């Protein structure tokens, strides 16, 4: 057995700086735009291994095994999702169905700001609720680039929009993960998150449109933005507090889409915004066609059905794949569990991160049928046959998609290897303890801890599992509500989703904008920090100030 150490230098400052080295290396290399994302990820992975072995005293064989486990876990399930989403997109592109989908969206509104609301926010929230794990950014980014949005607009705005729904993604998986490590009731945790995020479900639609079109452009469509935000935020609160945390995103997104489409039948802005480029700050605008014309001829009912059918098939299959009863039915039969030798249960998480020495599991669960990416692959194949493609053409398209995604898949695997290694080596916990030492300001910095966890791991679920128990222990020591701070970890984490390197690579892959990951990171970085600080401010009010404190559940 090896016990994690959280202060190898005997100095909190030096130990925290050492723990931050891998993620700082990764973000700096990507932000420079001079190093390809897959090369930056590999360099950061080497740094993570050096830090884990030579500073945090992790045995080298454990460090290497943790790296390999993370790399495989990066492809299954995350890379597997991205690959098959892009495969689906390529099939609809090759058959002309995507052009018909563009006409369908243009038939609702040709205004780019309103298309963003419908696709990046509402439609993206549906896919976050159905499957999560990078799916919404991959799908909405691909659709927006197909609609003529510039690569930076399609990728960056999809990342910003995919925030408020994240805490309830994949049918409530982050809430379930949080409950599993804290021992708190998932219904109570889901309800508490539902008393924090609806505020930002109102803000984010305004934020996305403002980031795209500026203040003036945003003001021109404020009624539609308000309808979108309110019709998502109110169901988000009601479902999370009075139904359950599993179907929050599904219900809220469907209501939001229906309300927005219905509203646009009776209202359109006086001035249409037809440019697909980010207003005044699109670094890719020079390589894009300004304001390309879109065919907005209304589709016949037959054409509309043909355009939507592949996506209807995908939605239906993902809804089945995300349910607990489906996973419970297939996982016992179609799962191969591989406990990694000399790693599984050979590492102890120790106080103050855990109440007592707790072995860390290291099992690769190859749930090959219930993986979300497998559902997408099946949906894509079914859709391919429905669209009249031959088996040979479907296979050829898959081959092209593999070539298209190759570097991105390497990058995603390396990112998850870093996340797995830093978790098992205790490096992440060292960063967490630095936040936990902030005393009365802990509600604010504890929220940023959730943000940091998602930025490091790429997953709100992983961040909740990583820091959930630490949040509970620290809040109890400080006399704060453990439900409040556990929920804050998840609510703050959603704002880290837009800057985690894994999501940025998914966005660049979906928009076919390889090599520009640094540009995307620079665009979304400050949006992420400001929104995370706003969540932290709300949690501070809920911790100490009436009437906000009356919202806190115990």
Protein backbone atom coordinates (compact mmCIF):
# COMPACT_ATOMS: atom_id res chain seq x y z
CA UNK A 1 0.00 0.00 0.00
CA UNK A 2 1.07 3.58 -0.72
CA UNK A 3 -0.41 6.51 1.19
CA UNK A 4 -0.95 9.76 -0.66
CA UNK A 5 0.99 12.75 0.59
CA UNK A 6 -0.45 16.24 0.22
CA UNK A 7 2.40 18.44 1.44
CA UNK A 8 5.65 16.89 0.22
CA UNK A 9 7.69 20.06 0.79
CA UNK A 10 6.31 20.79 4.26
CA UNK A 11 5.20 24.11 2.78
CA UNK A 12 1.66 24.60 1.53
CA UNK A 13 2.79 27.24 -0.99
CA UNK A 14 5.57 25.15 -2.54
CA UNK A 15 3.48 21.97 -2.58
CA UNK A 16 0.57 23.79 -4.25
CA UNK A 17 2.87 25.27 -6.90
CA UNK A 18 4.29 21.81 -7.64
CA UNK A 19 0.78 20.34 -7.85
CA UNK A 20 -0.26 23.07 -10.30
CA UNK A 21 2.68 22.43 -12.65
CA UNK A 22 0.99 19.85 -14.96
CA UNK A 23 -2.19 21.84 -15.59
CA UNK A 24 -0.30 25.14 -15.92
CA UNK A 25 2.03 23.51 -18.45
CA UNK A 26 -0.92 22.22 -20.43
CA UNK A 27 -2.87 25.48 -20.48
CA UNK A 28 0.16 27.65 -21.27
CA UNK A 29 1.27 25.43 -24.15
CA UNK A 30 -2.24 25.35 -25.62
CA UNK A 31 -2.77 29.09 -25.14
CA UNK A 32 0.40 29.96 -27.06
CA UNK A 33 -1.02 28.33 -30.21
CA UNK A 34 2.57 27.39 -31.10
CA UNK A 35 2.30 23.80 -29.90
CA UNK A 36 -0.26 21.37 -31.29
CA UNK A 37 -2.83 20.27 -28.72
CA UNK A 38 -1.81 16.60 -28.82
CA UNK A 39 1.87 17.53 -28.35
CA UNK A 40 0.98 19.88 -25.47
CA UNK A 41 -1.05 17.16 -23.79
CA UNK A 42 1.78 14.63 -24.08
CA UNK A 43 4.32 17.14 -22.66
CA UNK A 44 1.98 17.95 -19.76
CA UNK A 45 1.51 14.23 -19.15
CA UNK A 46 5.28 13.78 -18.85
CA UNK A 47 5.40 16.70 -16.39
CA UNK A 48 2.55 15.12 -14.38
CA UNK A 49 4.47 11.84 -14.12
CA UNK A 50 7.65 13.62 -13.01
CA UNK A 51 5.74 15.59 -10.36
CA UNK A 52 3.90 12.48 -9.12
CA UNK A 53 7.03 10.31 -8.90
CA UNK A 54 9.76 12.70 -7.77
CA UNK A 55 7.81 15.19 -5.65
CA UNK A 56 4.71 13.37 -4.40
CA UNK A 57 6.66 10.09 -3.98
CA UNK A 58 4.24 7.95 -5.99
CA UNK A 59 5.94 4.66 -6.97
CA UNK A 60 6.93 4.77 -10.65
CA UNK A 61 5.11 1.57 -11.54
CA UNK A 62 1.89 3.00 -10.07
CA UNK A 63 2.36 6.26 -11.92
CA UNK A 64 2.80 4.50 -15.27
CA UNK A 65 -0.18 2.20 -14.64
CA UNK A 66 -2.35 5.17 -13.67
CA UNK A 67 -1.29 6.92 -16.88
CA UNK A 68 -2.24 3.92 -19.02
CA UNK A 69 -5.57 3.54 -17.21
CA UNK A 70 -6.35 7.20 -17.84
CA UNK A 71 -5.37 7.01 -21.50
CA UNK A 72 -7.70 4.06 -22.14
CA UNK A 73 -10.45 5.74 -20.11
CA UNK A 74 -9.97 8.83 -22.27
CA UNK A 75 -10.93 6.91 -25.38
CA UNK A 76 -13.69 4.96 -23.66
CA UNK A 77 -16.06 6.68 -23.17
CA UNK A 78 -15.07 10.28 -24.10
CA UNK A 79 -13.19 9.77 -27.36
CA UNK A 80 -15.71 7.10 -28.37
CA UNK A 81 -18.50 9.69 -28.07
CA UNK A 82 -16.65 12.31 -30.12
CA UNK A 83 -15.72 9.84 -32.86
CA UNK A 84 -19.28 8.63 -33.36
CA UNK A 85 -20.89 12.09 -33.13
CA UNK A 86 -18.61 13.28 -35.93
CA UNK A 87 -19.41 10.06 -37.84
CA UNK A 88 -23.13 10.88 -37.59
CA UNK A 89 -22.48 14.42 -38.77
CA UNK A 90 -20.42 13.19 -41.73
CA UNK A 91 -23.20 10.81 -42.79
CA UNK A 92 -25.83 13.54 -42.77
CA UNK A 93 -23.43 15.83 -44.61
CA UNK A 94 -22.72 13.30 -47.36
CA UNK A 95 -26.42 12.61 -47.99
CA UNK A 96 -27.54 16.23 -48.07
CA UNK A 97 -29.68 15.81 -44.93
CA UNK A 98 -27.58 18.37 -43.11
CA UNK A 99 -28.37 20.99 -45.74
CA UNK A 100 -32.04 20.26 -45.15
CA UNK A 101 -31.52 20.65 -41.40
CA UNK A 102 -29.94 24.05 -42.04
CA UNK A 103 -33.01 25.05 -44.01
CA UNK A 104 -35.24 23.81 -41.18
CA UNK A 105 -33.38 25.96 -38.65
CA UNK A 106 -33.36 28.89 -41.07
CA UNK A 107 -37.11 28.41 -41.42
CA UNK A 108 -37.51 29.09 -37.70
CA UNK A 109 -35.36 32.21 -37.93
CA UNK A 110 -32.52 33.40 -40.17
CA UNK A 111 -31.20 35.56 -37.33
CA UNK A 112 -27.87 34.17 -36.09
CA UNK A 113 -28.44 35.28 -32.51
CA UNK A 114 -31.69 33.36 -32.28
CA UNK A 115 -30.15 30.32 -33.96
CA UNK A 116 -27.55 30.36 -31.19
CA UNK A 117 -30.24 30.34 -28.53
CA UNK A 118 -32.11 27.48 -30.16
CA UNK A 119 -29.11 25.26 -30.96
CA UNK A 120 -26.22 26.08 -28.60
CA UNK A 121 -28.34 26.62 -25.48
CA UNK A 122 -31.67 24.75 -25.70
CA UNK A 123 -30.77 21.92 -28.09
CA UNK A 124 -27.36 21.54 -26.43
CA UNK A 125 -29.01 21.26 -23.01
CA UNK A 126 -31.11 18.36 -24.29
CA UNK A 127 -28.02 16.41 -25.33
CA UNK A 128 -26.31 17.32 -22.05
CA UNK A 129 -29.24 15.82 -20.20
CA UNK A 130 -29.43 12.75 -22.42
CA UNK A 131 -25.76 11.82 -22.57
CA UNK A 132 -23.34 14.53 -21.37
CA UNK A 133 -19.57 13.83 -21.55
CA UNK A 134 -18.80 16.14 -24.48
CA UNK A 135 -21.83 15.21 -26.59
CA UNK A 136 -23.58 18.62 -26.60
CA UNK A 137 -20.48 20.59 -27.62
CA UNK A 138 -19.68 18.07 -30.36
CA UNK A 139 -23.20 18.14 -31.80
CA UNK A 140 -23.97 21.85 -31.47
CA UNK A 141 -20.50 22.82 -32.70
CA UNK A 142 -20.94 20.65 -35.79
CA UNK A 143 -24.42 22.05 -36.47
CA UNK A 144 -23.33 25.67 -36.03
CA UNK A 145 -20.34 25.27 -38.34
CA UNK A 146 -22.69 23.68 -40.88
CA UNK A 147 -24.99 26.68 -40.58
CA UNK A 148 -22.12 28.95 -41.60
CA UNK A 149 -20.92 30.18 -38.21
CA UNK A 150 -17.23 30.95 -38.06
CA UNK A 151 -15.12 28.26 -36.37
CA UNK A 152 -14.41 30.43 -33.32
CA UNK A 153 -18.07 31.35 -32.92
CA UNK A 154 -19.26 27.75 -33.34
CA UNK A 155 -16.75 26.30 -30.89
CA UNK A 156 -16.42 29.07 -28.31
CA UNK A 157 -20.12 29.85 -28.01
CA UNK A 158 -21.06 26.17 -27.80
CA UNK A 159 -18.67 25.89 -24.84
CA UNK A 160 -20.15 28.92 -23.07
CA UNK A 161 -23.73 27.75 -23.67
CA UNK A 162 -22.96 24.29 -22.28
CA UNK A 163 -22.67 25.40 -18.67
CA UNK A 164 -25.96 25.78 -16.79
CA UNK A 165 -27.20 22.27 -17.72
CA UNK A 166 -23.96 20.42 -16.85
CA UNK A 167 -24.73 19.66 -13.18
CA UNK A 168 -27.67 17.47 -14.26
CA UNK A 169 -25.96 16.01 -17.33
CA UNK A 170 -26.20 12.39 -18.45
CA UNK A 171 -29.46 11.91 -16.55
CA UNK A 172 -28.12 13.32 -13.29
CA UNK A 173 -24.81 11.46 -13.20
CA UNK A 174 -22.88 14.33 -11.48
CA UNK A 175 -25.48 14.48 -8.69
CA UNK A 176 -25.33 10.71 -8.22
CA UNK A 177 -21.53 10.82 -8.10
CA UNK A 178 -21.65 13.61 -5.52
CA UNK A 179 -24.09 11.63 -3.38
CA UNK A 180 -21.94 8.51 -3.57
CA UNK A 181 -18.85 10.17 -2.04
CA UNK A 182 -20.61 12.42 0.49
CA UNK A 183 -23.33 10.06 1.72
CA UNK A 184 -25.87 12.88 1.29
CA UNK A 185 -29.30 12.34 -0.26
CA UNK A 186 -29.12 12.85 -4.06
CA UNK A 187 -32.61 14.36 -4.05
CA UNK A 188 -31.52 16.98 -1.50
CA UNK A 189 -28.29 17.69 -3.38
CA UNK A 190 -30.17 18.00 -6.67
CA UNK A 191 -32.67 20.37 -5.07
CA UNK A 192 -29.87 22.54 -3.63
CA UNK A 193 -28.14 22.78 -7.00
CA UNK A 194 -31.59 23.70 -8.34
CA UNK A 195 -31.56 26.70 -5.98
CA UNK A 196 -28.28 27.95 -7.45
CA UNK A 197 -28.10 27.25 -11.17
CA UNK A 198 -31.48 28.66 -12.33
CA UNK A 199 -30.04 32.14 -11.72
CA UNK A 200 -27.34 31.33 -14.27
CA UNK A 201 -29.79 29.64 -16.62
CA UNK A 202 -31.27 33.14 -16.91
CA UNK A 203 -27.88 34.81 -17.31
CA UNK A 204 -26.12 32.44 -19.74
CA UNK A 205 -28.46 32.98 -22.76
CA UNK A 206 -27.88 36.74 -22.46
CA UNK A 207 -24.16 36.08 -21.99
CA UNK A 208 -23.86 33.88 -25.09
CA UNK A 209 -25.66 36.31 -27.37
CA UNK A 210 -23.74 39.24 -25.89
CA UNK A 211 -20.42 37.45 -26.49
CA UNK A 212 -21.48 36.90 -30.10
CA UNK A 213 -23.19 40.14 -31.07
CA UNK A 214 -22.16 42.67 -28.44
CA UNK A 215 -24.37 44.68 -26.09
CA UNK A 216 -26.35 46.41 -28.83
CA UNK A 217 -26.94 43.21 -30.75
CA UNK A 218 -28.05 41.46 -27.58
CA UNK A 219 -30.53 44.21 -26.65
CA UNK A 220 -32.30 43.85 -29.99
CA UNK A 221 -33.36 40.28 -29.19
CA UNK A 222 -33.80 40.50 -25.41
CA UNK A 223 -37.43 39.30 -25.47
CA UNK A 224 -36.42 36.01 -27.13
CA UNK A 225 -33.46 35.62 -24.77
CA UNK A 226 -35.71 36.18 -21.77
CA UNK A 227 -38.21 33.61 -23.03
CA UNK A 228 -35.39 31.09 -23.53
CA UNK A 229 -33.87 31.66 -20.09
CA UNK A 230 -37.10 31.77 -18.09
CA UNK A 231 -38.56 28.72 -19.85
CA UNK A 232 -35.40 26.79 -18.93
CA UNK A 233 -34.71 28.18 -15.43
CA UNK A 234 -38.23 27.76 -14.02
CA UNK A 235 -38.57 24.07 -15.04
CA UNK A 236 -34.99 23.50 -13.87
CA UNK A 237 -35.94 24.71 -10.40
CA UNK A 238 -39.31 22.95 -10.28
CA UNK A 239 -38.13 19.58 -11.58
CA UNK A 240 -35.00 19.51 -9.38
CA UNK A 241 -36.93 20.47 -6.24
CA UNK A 242 -40.22 18.65 -6.71
CA UNK A 243 -39.59 15.72 -9.09
CA UNK A 244 -36.04 14.30 -9.21
CA UNK A 245 -32.52 15.28 -10.33
CA UNK A 246 -32.36 12.76 -13.17
CA UNK A 247 -34.64 14.36 -15.79
CA UNK A 248 -33.99 18.04 -15.08
CA UNK A 249 -32.15 18.86 -18.32
CA UNK A 250 -34.41 16.76 -20.53
CA UNK A 251 -37.57 18.41 -19.24
CA UNK A 252 -36.21 21.95 -19.08
CA UNK A 253 -34.61 21.83 -22.54
CA UNK A 254 -37.73 20.49 -24.27
CA UNK A 255 -39.87 23.19 -22.62
CA UNK A 256 -37.32 25.85 -23.55
CA UNK A 257 -37.16 24.76 -27.21
CA UNK A 258 -40.94 24.64 -27.48
CA UNK A 259 -41.36 28.08 -25.89
CA UNK A 260 -38.67 29.70 -28.04
CA UNK A 261 -39.98 28.24 -31.32
CA UNK A 262 -43.55 29.21 -30.38
CA UNK A 263 -42.46 32.74 -29.46
CA UNK A 264 -40.58 33.17 -32.74
CA UNK A 265 -43.78 32.40 -34.64
CA UNK A 266 -45.26 35.63 -33.32
CA UNK A 267 -42.12 37.75 -32.88
CA UNK A 268 -38.97 38.45 -34.90
CA UNK A 269 -36.39 41.20 -34.37
CA UNK A 270 -36.72 44.35 -36.47
CA UNK A 271 -33.16 43.95 -37.75
CA UNK A 272 -31.92 40.51 -38.77
CA UNK A 273 -28.36 39.62 -37.81
CA UNK A 274 -27.02 37.49 -40.66
CA UNK A 275 -23.28 37.56 -40.02
CA UNK A 276 -21.88 34.25 -38.67
CA UNK A 277 -18.66 35.81 -37.31
CA UNK A 278 -18.07 37.04 -33.77
CA UNK A 279 -18.69 40.76 -33.70
CA UNK A 280 -15.40 42.64 -33.66
CA UNK A 281 -13.24 39.88 -32.15
CA UNK A 282 -13.27 36.89 -34.44
CA UNK A 283 -9.67 35.88 -35.12
CA UNK A 284 -10.90 33.53 -37.85
CA UNK A 285 -13.09 36.08 -39.63
CA UNK A 286 -10.47 36.66 -42.30
CA UNK A 287 -10.80 33.06 -43.45
CA UNK A 288 -14.59 32.91 -43.41
CA UNK A 289 -17.16 34.25 -45.80
CA UNK A 290 -18.89 37.26 -44.23
CA UNK A 291 -22.60 36.76 -43.98
CA UNK A 292 -23.08 33.83 -46.38
CA UNK A 293 -26.58 33.55 -47.72
CA UNK A 294 -28.71 30.74 -46.35
CA UNK A 295 -31.50 28.98 -48.14
CA UNK A 296 -34.46 29.61 -45.85
CA UNK A 297 -37.10 28.21 -48.20
CA UNK A 298 -39.63 26.42 -45.98
CA UNK A 299 -39.35 22.65 -46.09
CA UNK A 300 -42.29 20.49 -47.03
CA UNK A 301 -43.48 18.18 -44.23
CA UNK A 302 -41.75 15.27 -46.02
CA UNK A 303 -38.47 17.18 -46.29
CA UNK A 304 -38.69 18.31 -42.66
CA UNK A 305 -39.19 14.73 -41.54
CA UNK A 306 -36.23 13.59 -43.63
CA UNK A 307 -34.01 16.35 -42.18
CA UNK A 308 -34.92 15.59 -38.58
CA UNK A 309 -35.11 11.79 -38.79
CA UNK A 310 -31.39 11.03 -38.15
CA UNK A 311 -31.42 13.30 -35.08
CA UNK A 312 -34.73 11.90 -33.86
CA UNK A 313 -33.21 8.41 -34.08
CA UNK A 314 -30.16 9.65 -32.17
CA UNK A 315 -32.26 11.30 -29.45
CA UNK A 316 -34.46 8.23 -29.03
CA UNK A 317 -31.50 5.87 -28.69
CA UNK A 318 -29.61 8.17 -26.31
CA UNK A 319 -32.66 8.49 -24.07
CA UNK A 320 -32.79 4.70 -23.81
CA UNK A 321 -29.02 4.41 -23.34
CA UNK A 322 -29.05 6.93 -20.51
CA UNK A 323 -31.70 5.24 -18.39
CA UNK A 324 -30.81 3.27 -15.30
CA UNK A 325 -32.94 0.29 -16.27
CA UNK A 326 -31.11 -0.12 -19.58
CA UNK A 327 -27.69 0.02 -17.93
CA UNK A 328 -28.85 -2.38 -15.22
CA UNK A 329 -30.10 -4.79 -17.88
CA UNK A 330 -27.05 -4.84 -20.16
CA UNK A 331 -24.06 -4.06 -17.93
CA UNK A 332 -24.02 -7.39 -16.06
CA UNK A 333 -23.78 -9.18 -19.42
CA UNK A 334 -21.86 -6.76 -21.63
CA UNK A 335 -19.20 -5.48 -19.23
CA UNK A 336 -15.58 -6.43 -18.76
CA UNK A 337 -14.11 -5.13 -15.49
CA UNK A 338 -10.33 -5.03 -15.32
CA UNK A 339 -8.84 -4.15 -11.89
CA UNK A 340 -5.40 -2.77 -12.73
CA UNK A 341 -2.77 -4.98 -11.05
CA UNK A 342 -0.54 -3.27 -8.47
CA UNK A 343 -2.77 -0.18 -8.63
CA UNK A 344 -6.36 -1.12 -7.73
CA UNK A 345 -6.93 -0.58 -3.98
CA UNK A 346 -3.17 -0.16 -3.51
CA UNK A 347 -3.34 3.62 -2.87
CA UNK A 348 -4.80 5.13 0.30
CA UNK A 349 -6.55 8.47 0.33
CA UNK A 350 -5.84 9.77 3.85
CA UNK A 351 -6.99 12.61 6.18
CA UNK A 352 -7.79 15.44 5.78
CA UNK A 353 -9.03 14.55 2.30
CA UNK A 354 -10.77 11.45 3.65
CA UNK A 355 -12.10 10.85 7.17
CA UNK A 356 -9.92 7.74 7.44
CA UNK A 357 -7.49 5.88 5.12
CA UNK A 358 -9.57 4.86 2.12
CA UNK A 359 -8.29 2.69 -0.75
CA UNK A 360 -8.61 4.21 -4.21
CA UNK A 361 -10.14 1.92 -6.82
CA UNK A 362 -8.51 1.59 -10.24
CA UNK A 363 -10.81 -0.48 -12.40
CA UNK A 364 -11.32 -0.08 -16.12
CA UNK A 365 -14.98 -0.88 -16.69
CA UNK A 366 -15.37 -1.69 -20.38
CA UNK A 367 -19.15 -1.35 -20.60
CA UNK A 368 -19.02 -1.65 -24.34
CA UNK A 369 -22.74 -1.83 -25.03
CA UNK A 370 -23.98 0.83 -22.59
CA UNK A 371 -21.32 3.41 -23.54
CA UNK A 372 -23.03 6.54 -24.88
CA UNK A 373 -20.71 6.39 -27.88
CA UNK A 374 -21.98 2.90 -28.71
CA UNK A 375 -25.54 4.21 -28.74
CA UNK A 376 -24.40 6.97 -31.09
CA UNK A 377 -22.68 4.48 -33.38
CA UNK A 378 -25.83 2.34 -33.56
CA UNK A 379 -27.95 5.45 -34.22
CA UNK A 380 -25.55 6.56 -36.96
CA UNK A 381 -25.60 3.16 -38.67
CA UNK A 382 -29.41 2.96 -38.50
CA UNK A 383 -29.66 6.51 -39.85
CA UNK A 384 -27.20 5.69 -42.63
CA UNK A 385 -29.37 2.82 -43.84
CA UNK A 386 -32.52 4.96 -43.52
CA UNK A 387 -30.83 7.64 -45.64
CA UNK A 388 -30.16 5.02 -48.33
CA UNK A 389 -26.43 4.52 -47.87
CA UNK A 390 -24.84 1.19 -48.73
CA UNK A 391 -22.78 -0.70 -46.13
CA UNK A 392 -19.62 0.04 -48.12
CA UNK A 393 -20.27 3.78 -48.12
CA UNK A 394 -21.00 3.75 -44.39
CA UNK A 395 -17.72 1.95 -43.68
CA UNK A 396 -15.81 4.33 -45.97
CA UNK A 397 -17.30 7.32 -44.15
CA UNK A 398 -16.25 5.83 -40.82
CA UNK A 399 -12.70 5.43 -42.12
CA UNK A 400 -12.61 9.09 -43.13
CA UNK A 401 -13.96 10.08 -39.72
CA UNK A 402 -11.19 8.12 -37.97
CA UNK A 403 -8.56 10.02 -39.96
CA UNK A 404 -10.32 13.30 -39.22
CA UNK A 405 -10.40 12.66 -35.45
CA UNK A 406 -7.05 10.89 -34.99
CA UNK A 407 -5.09 13.71 -33.35
CA UNK A 408 -8.08 14.75 -31.25
CA UNK A 409 -8.47 11.22 -29.90
CA UNK A 410 -4.78 11.16 -28.93
CA UNK A 411 -5.24 14.50 -27.17
CA UNK A 412 -8.36 13.43 -25.27
CA UNK A 413 -6.65 10.23 -24.10
CA UNK A 414 -3.64 12.20 -22.88
CA UNK A 415 -5.91 14.69 -21.06
CA UNK A 416 -7.71 11.90 -19.20
CA UNK A 417 -4.37 10.28 -18.40
CA UNK A 418 -3.32 13.53 -16.68
CA UNK A 419 -6.61 13.68 -14.77
CA UNK A 420 -6.40 10.06 -13.63
CA UNK A 421 -2.76 10.36 -12.60
CA UNK A 422 -3.24 13.59 -10.62
CA UNK A 423 -6.26 12.07 -8.84
CA UNK A 424 -4.51 8.84 -7.86
CA UNK A 425 -1.28 10.58 -6.89
CA UNK A 426 -3.03 13.10 -4.61
CA UNK A 427 -1.86 16.07 -6.70
CA UNK A 428 -5.46 17.24 -7.22
CA UNK A 429 -6.17 16.96 -3.48
CA UNK A 430 -3.21 19.23 -2.72
CA UNK A 431 -4.78 21.94 -4.88
CA UNK A 432 -8.10 21.33 -3.16
CA UNK A 433 -6.61 21.71 0.32
CA UNK A 434 -5.17 25.08 -0.67
CA UNK A 435 -8.73 26.27 -1.41
CA UNK A 436 -10.02 24.71 1.81
CA UNK A 437 -7.68 26.85 3.93
CA UNK A 438 -9.50 30.11 3.15
CA UNK A 439 -11.64 30.26 6.33
CA UNK A 440 -14.63 32.61 6.20
CA UNK A 441 -14.18 33.01 2.46
CA UNK A 442 -14.49 29.27 1.95
CA UNK A 443 -17.98 29.39 0.37
CA UNK A 444 -16.48 31.48 -2.43
CA UNK A 445 -13.25 29.53 -2.84
CA UNK A 446 -14.96 26.19 -2.27
CA UNK A 447 -17.12 27.01 -5.29
CA UNK A 448 -13.97 27.78 -7.28
CA UNK A 449 -12.63 24.41 -6.14
CA UNK A 450 -15.44 22.78 -8.11
CA UNK A 451 -14.49 25.00 -11.06
CA UNK A 452 -10.88 23.87 -10.75
CA UNK A 453 -11.92 20.22 -10.54
CA UNK A 454 -13.82 20.36 -13.83
CA UNK A 455 -11.05 22.37 -15.49
CA UNK A 456 -8.62 19.61 -14.45
CA UNK A 457 -10.73 16.53 -15.16
CA UNK A 458 -13.13 17.70 -17.86
CA UNK A 459 -16.10 16.30 -15.97
CA UNK A 460 -18.46 17.67 -13.32
CA UNK A 461 -18.98 14.07 -12.19
CA UNK A 462 -15.23 13.54 -11.77
CA UNK A 463 -14.87 16.86 -9.92
CA UNK A 464 -17.68 15.90 -7.55
CA UNK A 465 -16.10 12.52 -6.86
CA UNK A 466 -12.68 14.12 -6.43
CA UNK A 467 -13.62 17.00 -4.11
CA UNK A 468 -17.13 16.17 -2.83
CA UNK A 469 -16.00 14.58 0.42
CA UNK A 470 -13.41 17.29 0.99
CA UNK A 471 -16.20 19.88 0.65
CA UNK A 472 -18.29 18.01 3.21
CA UNK A 473 -15.46 17.65 5.75
CA UNK A 474 -14.31 21.26 5.44
CA UNK A 475 -17.81 22.74 5.62
CA UNK A 476 -18.57 20.77 8.80
CA UNK A 477 -15.33 22.02 10.39
CA UNK A 478 -16.27 25.62 9.52
CA UNK A 479 -19.91 25.31 10.66
CA UNK A 480 -21.32 25.59 7.14
CA UNK A 481 -24.00 23.42 5.57
CA UNK A 482 -22.37 20.37 3.90
CA UNK A 483 -25.32 20.26 1.48
CA UNK A 484 -24.62 23.85 0.43
CA UNK A 485 -20.92 23.29 -0.19
CA UNK A 486 -21.32 19.91 -1.87
CA UNK A 487 -23.87 21.50 -4.21
CA UNK A 488 -21.56 24.48 -4.74
CA UNK A 489 -18.86 22.10 -5.94
CA UNK A 490 -21.17 20.95 -8.71
CA UNK A 491 -22.62 24.41 -9.50
CA UNK A 492 -19.21 26.05 -9.61
CA UNK A 493 -17.86 23.17 -11.62
CA UNK A 494 -20.17 23.81 -14.55
CA UNK A 495 -18.31 27.03 -15.34
CA UNK A 496 -15.04 25.13 -15.60
CA UNK A 497 -16.47 22.99 -18.36
CA UNK A 498 -15.76 25.59 -21.03
CA UNK A 499 -12.02 25.78 -20.32
CA UNK A 500 -11.12 22.16 -19.72
CA UNK A 501 -8.74 21.08 -22.43
CA UNK A 502 -10.79 18.01 -23.27
CA UNK A 503 -13.90 20.09 -24.11
CA UNK A 504 -11.82 22.51 -26.15
CA UNK A 505 -10.42 19.63 -28.21
CA UNK A 506 -13.95 18.27 -28.71
CA UNK A 507 -15.03 21.71 -29.94
CA UNK A 508 -12.08 22.07 -32.33
CA UNK A 509 -12.74 18.59 -33.70
CA UNK A 510 -16.46 19.20 -34.19
CA UNK A 511 -15.77 22.43 -36.07
CA UNK A 512 -12.84 21.01 -38.06
CA UNK A 513 -10.62 23.77 -36.68
CA UNK A 514 -7.58 21.77 -35.65
CA UNK A 515 -4.55 23.62 -34.33
CA UNK A 516 -6.59 26.57 -33.01
CA UNK A 517 -7.26 25.22 -29.52
CA UNK A 518 -5.28 28.14 -28.03
CA UNK A 519 -7.52 30.64 -29.80
CA UNK A 520 -10.61 28.93 -28.38
CA UNK A 521 -9.09 28.81 -24.88
CA UNK A 522 -8.20 32.52 -24.94
CA UNK A 523 -11.74 33.38 -26.05
CA UNK A 524 -13.58 31.43 -23.34
CA UNK A 525 -11.11 31.79 -20.45
CA UNK A 526 -12.33 35.06 -18.94
CA UNK A 527 -15.96 34.14 -19.51
CA UNK A 528 -15.30 31.03 -17.43
CA UNK A 529 -13.57 32.86 -14.57
CA UNK A 530 -16.14 35.66 -14.31
CA UNK A 531 -19.11 33.29 -14.33
CA UNK A 532 -17.44 31.02 -11.75
CA UNK A 533 -16.85 34.03 -9.48
CA UNK A 534 -20.52 35.01 -9.84
CA UNK A 535 -21.54 31.51 -8.72
CA UNK A 536 -19.12 31.87 -5.79
CA UNK A 537 -20.72 35.20 -4.87
CA UNK A 538 -24.18 33.60 -4.83
CA UNK A 539 -22.93 30.78 -2.59
CA UNK A 540 -21.40 33.35 -0.20
CA UNK A 541 -24.80 35.03 0.05
CA UNK A 542 -26.50 31.69 0.67
CA UNK A 543 -23.97 30.89 3.39
CA UNK A 544 -24.19 34.13 5.36
CA UNK A 545 -26.90 36.57 4.20
CA UNK A 546 -30.65 36.42 4.76
CA UNK A 547 -32.93 35.84 2.80
CA UNK A 548 -30.49 33.90 0.60
CA UNK A 549 -29.55 31.68 3.55
CA UNK A 550 -33.20 30.62 3.83
CA UNK A 551 -32.74 28.79 0.50
CA UNK A 552 -30.17 26.41 1.99
CA UNK A 553 -31.25 22.82 2.57
CA UNK A 554 -29.86 20.69 5.39
